[in-house]
Amino acid sequence: MKIKKFKCIIDNGDEIFREYIPATSKRQLMDAWGNMGDFIKIIEMPEYLPSAAAVRKTLSENGYGKAECDFVYRILSNFVEGTEAD
């Protein structure tokens, strides 16, 4: 099962705001985050995720070690939809 990225417009009674929330499905998102307020809109946004390779490169260029970079790369490429390796 892969995690997806959802763009959510939420009304909490005091304000309307946008959040990007990871979840496996809209149903799981609502179960986990439904207490934030009323969801006005939920849009799946996989095309706006960086590739796992780009994240690993950026981490490496900013001083993270190989083990940390590889760990984050594997999480993204194996479990987050839309970040598959280049």
PDB file of N, CA and C in Angstrom:
ATOM      1  N   MET A   1       0.845  -1.173   0.000  1.00  0.00           N
ATOM      2  CA  MET A   1       0.000   0.000   0.000  1.00  0.00           C
ATOM      3  C   MET A   1       0.892   1.238   0.000  1.00  0.00           C
ATOM      4  N   LYS A   2       0.550   2.207  -0.831  1.00  0.00           N
ATOM      5  CA  LYS A   2       1.337   3.422  -0.925  1.00  0.00           C
ATOM      6  C   LYS A   2       0.592   4.612  -0.330  1.00  0.00           C
ATOM      7  N   ILE A   3       1.360   5.538   0.212  1.00  0.00           N
ATOM      8  CA  ILE A   3       0.818   6.781   0.749  1.00  0.00           C
ATOM      9  C   ILE A   3       0.676   7.768  -0.400  1.00  0.00           C
ATOM     10  N   LYS A   4      -0.389   8.540  -0.384  1.00  0.00           N
ATOM     11  CA  LYS A   4      -0.644   9.557  -1.401  1.00  0.00           C
ATOM     12  C   LYS A   4      -0.631  10.931  -0.739  1.00  0.00           C
ATOM     13  N   LYS A   5      -0.497  11.964  -1.555  1.00  0.00           N
ATOM     14  CA  LYS A   5      -0.527  13.343  -1.053  1.00  0.00           C
ATOM     15  C   LYS A   5      -1.873  13.954  -1.436  1.00  0.00           C
ATOM     16  N   PHE A   6      -2.558  14.527  -0.432  1.00  0.00           N
ATOM     17  CA  PHE A   6      -3.842  15.160  -0.669  1.00  0.00           C
ATOM     18  C   PHE A   6      -3.771  16.639  -0.304  1.00  0.00           C
ATOM     19  N   LYS A   7      -4.306  17.472  -1.179  1.00  0.00           N
ATOM     20  CA  LYS A   7      -4.472  18.899  -0.896  1.00  0.00           C
ATOM     21  C   LYS A   7      -5.872  19.055  -0.332  1.00  0.00           C
ATOM     22  N   CYS A   8      -5.971  19.625   0.864  1.00  0.00           N
ATOM     23  CA  CYS A   8      -7.257  19.743   1.551  1.00  0.00           C
ATOM     24  C   CYS A   8      -7.556  21.206   1.856  1.00  0.00           C
ATOM     25  N   ILE A   9      -8.781  21.612   1.562  1.00  0.00           N
ATOM     26  CA  ILE A   9      -9.281  22.921   1.967  1.00  0.00           C
ATOM     27  C   ILE A   9     -10.198  22.643   3.161  1.00  0.00           C
ATOM     28  N   ILE A  10      -9.879  23.266   4.288  1.00  0.00           N
ATOM     29  CA  ILE A  10     -10.547  22.941   5.542  1.00  0.00           C
ATOM     30  C   ILE A  10     -11.119  24.202   6.184  1.00  0.00           C
ATOM     31  N   ASP A  11     -12.329  24.077   6.688  1.00  0.00           N
ATOM     32  CA  ASP A  11     -12.976  25.150   7.446  1.00  0.00           C
ATOM     33  C   ASP A  11     -13.070  24.670   8.892  1.00  0.00           C
ATOM     34  N   ASN A  12     -12.326  25.326   9.790  1.00  0.00           N
ATOM     35  CA  ASN A  12     -12.349  24.905  11.194  1.00  0.00           C
ATOM     36  C   ASN A  12     -13.309  25.733  12.047  1.00  0.00           C
ATOM     37  N   GLY A  13     -14.125  26.531  11.391  1.00  0.00           N
ATOM     38  CA  GLY A  13     -15.083  27.361  12.120  1.00  0.00           C
ATOM     39  C   GLY A  13     -14.601  28.776  12.339  1.00  0.00           C
ATOM     40  N   ASP A  14     -13.276  28.962  12.413  1.00  0.00           N
ATOM     41  CA  ASP A  14     -12.684  30.289  12.586  1.00  0.00           C
ATOM     42  C   ASP A  14     -12.036  30.794  11.306  1.00  0.00           C
ATOM     43  N   GLU A  15     -11.537  29.875  10.503  1.00  0.00           N
ATOM     44  CA  GLU A  15     -10.848  30.242   9.274  1.00  0.00           C
ATOM     45  C   GLU A  15     -10.915  29.083   8.279  1.00  0.00           C
ATOM     46  N   ILE A  16     -10.646  29.419   7.025  1.00  0.00           N
ATOM     47  CA  ILE A  16     -10.532  28.414   5.973  1.00  0.00           C
ATOM     48  C   ILE A  16      -9.063  28.375   5.584  1.00  0.00           C
ATOM     49  N   PHE A  17      -8.483  27.177   5.558  1.00  0.00           N
ATOM     50  CA  PHE A  17      -7.062  27.056   5.257  1.00  0.00           C
ATOM     51  C   PHE A  17      -6.785  25.822   4.407  1.00  0.00           C
ATOM     52  N   ARG A  18      -5.576  25.771   3.865  1.00  0.00           N
ATOM     53  CA  ARG A  18      -5.140  24.669   3.014  1.00  0.00           C
ATOM     54  C   ARG A  18      -4.061  23.879   3.736  1.00  0.00           C
ATOM     55  N   GLU A  19      -4.159  22.570   3.655  1.00  0.00           N
ATOM     56  CA  GLU A  19      -3.159  21.667   4.219  1.00  0.00           C
ATOM     57  C   GLU A  19      -2.840  20.596   3.186  1.00  0.00           C
ATOM     58  N   TYR A  20      -1.602  20.143   3.170  1.00  0.00           N
ATOM     59  CA  TYR A  20      -1.210  18.984   2.372  1.00  0.00           C
ATOM     60  C   TYR A  20      -1.012  17.839   3.361  1.00  0.00           C
ATOM     61  N   ILE A  21      -1.796  16.775   3.186  1.00  0.00           N
ATOM     62  CA  ILE A  21      -1.831  15.700   4.170  1.00  0.00           C
ATOM     63  C   ILE A  21      -1.535  14.360   3.501  1.00  0.00           C
ATOM     64  N   PRO A  22      -0.619  13.563   4.069  1.00  0.00           N
ATOM     65  CA  PRO A  22      -0.365  12.225   3.535  1.00  0.00           C
ATOM     66  C   PRO A  22      -1.388  11.228   4.083  1.00  0.00           C
ATOM     67  N   ALA A  23      -1.862  10.349   3.205  1.00  0.00           N
ATOM     68  CA  ALA A  23      -2.803   9.306   3.615  1.00  0.00           C
ATOM     69  C   ALA A  23      -2.836   8.225   2.537  1.00  0.00           C
ATOM     70  N   THR A  24      -3.317   7.062   2.893  1.00  0.00           N
ATOM     71  CA  THR A  24      -3.413   5.975   1.923  1.00  0.00           C
ATOM     72  C   THR A  24      -4.660   6.097   1.051  1.00  0.00           C
ATOM     73  N   SER A  25      -5.672   6.828   1.533  1.00  0.00           N
ATOM     74  CA  SER A  25      -6.914   7.027   0.790  1.00  0.00           C
ATOM     75  C   SER A  25      -7.671   8.209   1.394  1.00  0.00           C
ATOM     76  N   LYS A  26      -8.684   8.677   0.683  1.00  0.00           N
ATOM     77  CA  LYS A  26      -9.513   9.758   1.238  1.00  0.00           C
ATOM     78  C   LYS A  26     -10.198   9.304   2.525  1.00  0.00           C
ATOM     79  N   ARG A  27     -10.619   8.059   2.554  1.00  0.00           N
ATOM     80  CA  ARG A  27     -11.292   7.527   3.752  1.00  0.00           C
ATOM     81  C   ARG A  27     -10.344   7.534   4.955  1.00  0.00           C
ATOM     82  N   GLN A  28      -9.106   7.073   4.745  1.00  0.00           N
ATOM     83  CA  GLN A  28      -8.129   7.059   5.837  1.00  0.00           C
ATOM     84  C   GLN A  28      -7.796   8.481   6.268  1.00  0.00           C
ATOM     85  N   LEU A  29      -7.730   9.405   5.330  1.00  0.00           N
ATOM     86  CA  LEU A  29      -7.477  10.814   5.638  1.00  0.00           C
ATOM     87  C   LEU A  29      -8.591  11.353   6.543  1.00  0.00           C
ATOM     88  N   MET A  30      -9.823  11.086   6.174  1.00  0.00           N
ATOM     89  CA  MET A  30     -10.956  11.576   6.967  1.00  0.00           C
ATOM     90  C   MET A  30     -10.985  10.930   8.353  1.00  0.00           C
ATOM     91  N   ASP A  31     -10.658   9.643   8.427  1.00  0.00           N
ATOM     92  CA  ASP A  31     -10.636   8.968   9.726  1.00  0.00           C
ATOM     93  C   ASP A  31      -9.565   9.550  10.645  1.00  0.00           C
ATOM     94  N   ALA A  32      -8.403   9.851  10.086  1.00  0.00           N
ATOM     95  CA  ALA A  32      -7.276  10.332  10.889  1.00  0.00           C
ATOM     96  C   ALA A  32      -7.322  11.831  11.170  1.00  0.00           C
ATOM     97  N   TRP A  33      -7.839  12.617  10.223  1.00  0.00           N
ATOM     98  CA  TRP A  33      -7.747  14.074  10.327  1.00  0.00           C
ATOM     99  C   TRP A  33      -9.098  14.780  10.375  1.00  0.00           C
ATOM    100  N   GLY A  34     -10.177  14.027  10.412  1.00  0.00           N
ATOM    101  CA  GLY A  34     -11.509  14.616  10.371  1.00  0.00           C
ATOM    102  C   GLY A  34     -11.823  15.595  11.486  1.00  0.00           C
ATOM    103  N   ASN A  35     -11.069  15.546  12.579  1.00  0.00           N
ATOM    104  CA  ASN A  35     -11.315  16.456  13.701  1.00  0.00           C
ATOM    105  C   ASN A  35     -10.723  17.842  13.474  1.00  0.00           C
ATOM    106  N   MET A  36     -10.078  18.076  12.335  1.00  0.00           N
ATOM    107  CA  MET A  36      -9.493  19.391  12.037  1.00  0.00           C
ATOM    108  C   MET A  36     -10.561  20.414  11.678  1.00  0.00           C
ATOM    109  N   GLY A  37     -11.725  19.949  11.244  1.00  0.00           N
ATOM    110  CA  GLY A  37     -12.795  20.830  10.807  1.00  0.00           C
ATOM    111  C   GLY A  37     -13.545  20.192   9.655  1.00  0.00           C
ATOM    112  N   ASP A  38     -14.309  20.996   8.945  1.00  0.00           N
ATOM    113  CA  ASP A  38     -15.055  20.507   7.788  1.00  0.00           C
ATOM    114  C   ASP A  38     -14.167  20.567   6.551  1.00  0.00           C
ATOM    115  N   PHE A  39     -14.041  19.446   5.874  1.00  0.00           N
ATOM    116  CA  PHE A  39     -13.251  19.396   4.646  1.00  0.00           C
ATOM    117  C   PHE A  39     -14.115  19.909   3.495  1.00  0.00           C
ATOM    118  N   ILE A  40     -13.732  21.038   2.941  1.00  0.00           N
ATOM    119  CA  ILE A  40     -14.471  21.635   1.831  1.00  0.00           C
ATOM    120  C   ILE A  40     -14.099  20.931   0.530  1.00  0.00           C
ATOM    121  N   LYS A  41     -12.821  20.614   0.381  1.00  0.00           N
ATOM    122  CA  LYS A  41     -12.339  19.968  -0.838  1.00  0.00           C
ATOM    123  C   LYS A  41     -11.136  19.096  -0.496  1.00  0.00           C
ATOM    124  N   ILE A  42     -11.056  17.929  -1.143  1.00  0.00           N
ATOM    125  CA  ILE A  42      -9.910  17.035  -1.010  1.00  0.00           C
ATOM    126  C   ILE A  42      -9.489  16.636  -2.417  1.00  0.00           C
ATOM    127  N   ILE A  43      -8.233  16.935  -2.765  1.00  0.00           N
ATOM    128  CA  ILE A  43      -7.718  16.640  -4.106  1.00  0.00           C
ATOM    129  C   ILE A  43      -6.428  15.835  -3.973  1.00  0.00           C
ATOM    130  N   GLU A  44      -6.354  14.708  -4.667  1.00  0.00           N
ATOM    131  CA  GLU A  44      -5.111  13.933  -4.689  1.00  0.00           C
ATOM    132  C   GLU A  44      -4.102  14.668  -5.571  1.00  0.00           C
ATOM    133  N   MET A  45      -2.851  14.817  -5.084  1.00  0.00           N
ATOM    134  CA  MET A  45      -1.846  15.632  -5.763  1.00  0.00           C
ATOM    135  C   MET A  45      -0.520  14.892  -6.011  1.00  0.00           C
ATOM    136  N   PRO A  46      -0.488  13.726  -6.614  1.00  0.00           N
ATOM    137  CA  PRO A  46       0.781  13.004  -6.764  1.00  0.00           C
ATOM    138  C   PRO A  46       1.796  13.696  -7.672  1.00  0.00           C
ATOM    139  N   GLU A  47       1.328  14.501  -8.611  1.00  0.00           N
ATOM    140  CA  GLU A  47       2.260  15.136  -9.549  1.00  0.00           C
ATOM    141  C   GLU A  47       3.084  16.255  -8.919  1.00  0.00           C
ATOM    142  N   TYR A  48       2.786  16.628  -7.701  1.00  0.00           N
ATOM    143  CA  TYR A  48       3.524  17.699  -7.038  1.00  0.00           C
ATOM    144  C   TYR A  48       4.506  17.185  -5.996  1.00  0.00           C
ATOM    145  N   LEU A  49       4.921  15.942  -6.124  1.00  0.00           N
ATOM    146  CA  LEU A  49       5.888  15.375  -5.187  1.00  0.00           C
ATOM    147  C   LEU A  49       7.257  15.282  -5.846  1.00  0.00           C
ATOM    148  N   PRO A  50       8.315  15.551  -5.096  1.00  0.00           N
ATOM    149  CA  PRO A  50       9.655  15.403  -5.656  1.00  0.00           C
ATOM    150  C   PRO A  50       9.995  13.923  -5.797  1.00  0.00           C
ATOM    151  N   SER A  51      10.871  13.622  -6.726  1.00  0.00           N
ATOM    152  CA  SER A  51      11.298  12.225  -6.863  1.00  0.00           C
ATOM    153  C   SER A  51      12.161  11.845  -5.667  1.00  0.00           C
ATOM    154  N   ALA A  52      12.169  10.573  -5.354  1.00  0.00           N
ATOM    155  CA  ALA A  52      12.980  10.070  -4.245  1.00  0.00           C
ATOM    156  C   ALA A  52      14.461  10.371  -4.496  1.00  0.00           C
ATOM    157  N   ALA A  53      14.885  10.259  -5.752  1.00  0.00           N
ATOM    158  CA  ALA A  53      16.288  10.522  -6.095  1.00  0.00           C
ATOM    159  C   ALA A  53      16.649  11.995  -5.845  1.00  0.00           C
ATOM    160  N   ALA A  54      15.740  12.910  -6.176  1.00  0.00           N
ATOM    161  CA  ALA A  54      16.005  14.334  -5.962  1.00  0.00           C
ATOM    162  C   ALA A  54      16.112  14.655  -4.476  1.00  0.00           C
ATOM    163  N   VAL A  55      15.266  14.037  -3.665  1.00  0.00           N
ATOM    164  CA  VAL A  55      15.322  14.262  -2.219  1.00  0.00           C
ATOM    165  C   VAL A  55      16.633  13.719  -1.660  1.00  0.00           C
ATOM    166  N   ARG A  56      17.032  12.526  -2.086  1.00  0.00           N
ATOM    167  CA  ARG A  56      18.296  11.939  -1.611  1.00  0.00           C
ATOM    168  C   ARG A  56      19.469  12.842  -1.982  1.00  0.00           C
ATOM    169  N   LYS A  57      19.477  13.360  -3.206  1.00  0.00           N
ATOM    170  CA  LYS A  57      20.567  14.239  -3.654  1.00  0.00           C
ATOM    171  C   LYS A  57      20.611  15.521  -2.814  1.00  0.00           C
ATOM    172  N   THR A  58      19.458  16.123  -2.570  1.00  0.00           N
ATOM    173  CA  THR A  58      19.393  17.356  -1.781  1.00  0.00           C
ATOM    174  C   THR A  58      19.871  17.120  -0.347  1.00  0.00           C
ATOM    175  N   LEU A  59      19.443  16.014   0.248  1.00  0.00           N
ATOM    176  CA  LEU A  59      19.903  15.695   1.602  1.00  0.00           C
ATOM    177  C   LEU A  59      21.415  15.508   1.645  1.00  0.00           C
ATOM    178  N   SER A  60      21.940  14.794   0.670  1.00  0.00           N
ATOM    179  CA  SER A  60      23.385  14.552   0.605  1.00  0.00           C
ATOM    180  C   SER A  60      24.152  15.860   0.454  1.00  0.00           C
ATOM    181  N   GLU A  61      23.659  16.737  -0.408  1.00  0.00           N
ATOM    182  CA  GLU A  61      24.315  18.034  -0.632  1.00  0.00           C
ATOM    183  C   GLU A  61      24.256  18.937   0.598  1.00  0.00           C
ATOM    184  N   ASN A  62      23.368  18.632   1.521  1.00  0.00           N
ATOM    185  CA  ASN A  62      23.223  19.448   2.728  1.00  0.00           C
ATOM    186  C   ASN A  62      23.773  18.774   3.974  1.00  0.00           C
ATOM    187  N   GLY A  63      24.672  17.825   3.763  1.00  0.00           N
ATOM    188  CA  GLY A  63      25.434  17.282   4.872  1.00  0.00           C
ATOM    189  C   GLY A  63      24.919  16.015   5.521  1.00  0.00           C
ATOM    190  N   TYR A  64      23.823  15.452   5.036  1.00  0.00           N
ATOM    191  CA  TYR A  64      23.334  14.207   5.622  1.00  0.00           C
ATOM    192  C   TYR A  64      24.187  13.044   5.131  1.00  0.00           C
ATOM    193  N   GLY A  65      24.353  12.052   5.974  1.00  0.00           N
ATOM    194  CA  GLY A  65      25.162  10.892   5.641  1.00  0.00           C
ATOM    195  C   GLY A  65      24.459   9.946   4.686  1.00  0.00           C
ATOM    196  N   LYS A  66      25.245   9.030   4.111  1.00  0.00           N
ATOM    197  CA  LYS A  66      24.720   8.079   3.135  1.00  0.00           C
ATOM    198  C   LYS A  66      23.597   7.233   3.728  1.00  0.00           C
ATOM    199  N   ALA A  67      23.742   6.770   4.956  1.00  0.00           N
ATOM    200  CA  ALA A  67      22.724   5.920   5.575  1.00  0.00           C
ATOM    201  C   ALA A  67      21.391   6.662   5.700  1.00  0.00           C
ATOM    202  N   GLU A  68      21.436   7.926   6.132  1.00  0.00           N
ATOM    203  CA  GLU A  68      20.216   8.703   6.271  1.00  0.00           C
ATOM    204  C   GLU A  68      19.582   8.975   4.914  1.00  0.00           C
ATOM    205  N   CYS A  69      20.401   9.333   3.949  1.00  0.00           N
ATOM    206  CA  CYS A  69      19.904   9.617   2.601  1.00  0.00           C
ATOM    207  C   CYS A  69      19.254   8.388   1.980  1.00  0.00           C
ATOM    208  N   ASP A  70      19.913   7.249   2.117  1.00  0.00           N
ATOM    209  CA  ASP A  70      19.367   6.004   1.562  1.00  0.00           C
ATOM    210  C   ASP A  70      18.079   5.598   2.265  1.00  0.00           C
ATOM    211  N   PHE A  71      18.007   5.807   3.573  1.00  0.00           N
ATOM    212  CA  PHE A  71      16.808   5.458   4.335  1.00  0.00           C
ATOM    213  C   PHE A  71      15.608   6.273   3.854  1.00  0.00           C
ATOM    214  N   VAL A  72      15.774   7.586   3.735  1.00  0.00           N
ATOM    215  CA  VAL A  72      14.689   8.454   3.274  1.00  0.00           C
ATOM    216  C   VAL A  72      14.323   8.103   1.830  1.00  0.00           C
ATOM    217  N   TYR A  73      15.314   7.853   0.992  1.00  0.00           N
ATOM    218  CA  TYR A  73      15.079   7.463  -0.399  1.00  0.00           C
ATOM    219  C   TYR A  73      14.216   6.206  -0.473  1.00  0.00           C
ATOM    220  N   ARG A  74      14.544   5.211   0.321  1.00  0.00           N
ATOM    221  CA  ARG A  74      13.788   3.954   0.296  1.00  0.00           C
ATOM    222  C   ARG A  74      12.359   4.137   0.793  1.00  0.00           C
ATOM    223  N   ILE A  75      12.176   4.938   1.822  1.00  0.00           N
ATOM    224  CA  ILE A  75      10.819   5.209   2.306  1.00  0.00           C
ATOM    225  C   ILE A  75       9.992   5.857   1.200  1.00  0.00           C
ATOM    226  N   LEU A  76      10.550   6.902   0.596  1.00  0.00           N
ATOM    227  CA  LEU A  76       9.808   7.603  -0.453  1.00  0.00           C
ATOM    228  C   LEU A  76       9.521   6.702  -1.648  1.00  0.00           C
ATOM    229  N   SER A  77      10.542   6.053  -2.181  1.00  0.00           N
ATOM    230  CA  SER A  77      10.349   5.277  -3.401  1.00  0.00           C
ATOM    231  C   SER A  77       9.492   4.034  -3.188  1.00  0.00           C
ATOM    232  N   ASN A  78       9.505   3.461  -1.991  1.00  0.00           N
ATOM    233  CA  ASN A  78       8.737   2.248  -1.735  1.00  0.00           C
ATOM    234  C   ASN A  78       7.325   2.496  -1.208  1.00  0.00           C
ATOM    235  N   PHE A  79       7.117   3.627  -0.521  1.00  0.00           N
ATOM    236  CA  PHE A  79       5.846   3.801   0.174  1.00  0.00           C
ATOM    237  C   PHE A  79       5.048   5.049  -0.185  1.00  0.00           C
ATOM    238  N   VAL A  80       5.621   5.982  -0.935  1.00  0.00           N
ATOM    239  CA  VAL A  80       4.905   7.215  -1.269  1.00  0.00           C
ATOM    240  C   VAL A  80       4.666   7.263  -2.773  1.00  0.00           C
ATOM    241  N   GLU A  81       3.405   7.199  -3.164  1.00  0.00           N
ATOM    242  CA  GLU A  81       3.035   7.203  -4.574  1.00  0.00           C
ATOM    243  C   GLU A  81       3.476   8.497  -5.245  1.00  0.00           C
ATOM    244  N   GLY A  82       4.078   8.377  -6.412  1.00  0.00           N
ATOM    245  CA  GLY A  82       4.497   9.542  -7.176  1.00  0.00           C
ATOM    246  C   GLY A  82       5.937   9.955  -6.946  1.00  0.00           C
ATOM    247  N   THR A  83       6.696   9.211  -6.124  1.00  0.00           N
ATOM    248  CA  THR A  83       8.082   9.586  -5.857  1.00  0.00           C
ATOM    249  C   THR A  83       9.061   8.521  -6.370  1.00  0.00           C
ATOM    250  N   GLU A  84       8.575   7.607  -7.164  1.00  0.00           N
ATOM    251  CA  GLU A  84       9.395   6.497  -7.608  1.00  0.00           C
ATOM    252  C   GLU A  84      10.722   6.994  -8.179  1.00  0.00           C
ATOM    253  N   ALA A  85      11.705   6.147  -8.089  1.00  0.00           N
ATOM    254  CA  ALA A  85      13.058   6.479  -8.538  1.00  0.00           C
ATOM    255  C   ALA A  85      13.060   6.864 -10.013  1.00  0.00           C
ATOM    256  N   ASP A  86      13.953   7.784 -10.331  1.00  0.00           N
ATOM    257  CA  ASP A  86      14.134   8.225 -11.732  1.00  0.00           C
ATOM    258  C   ASP A  86      14.806   7.159 -12.547  1.00  0.00           C
TER     259      ASP A  86
END
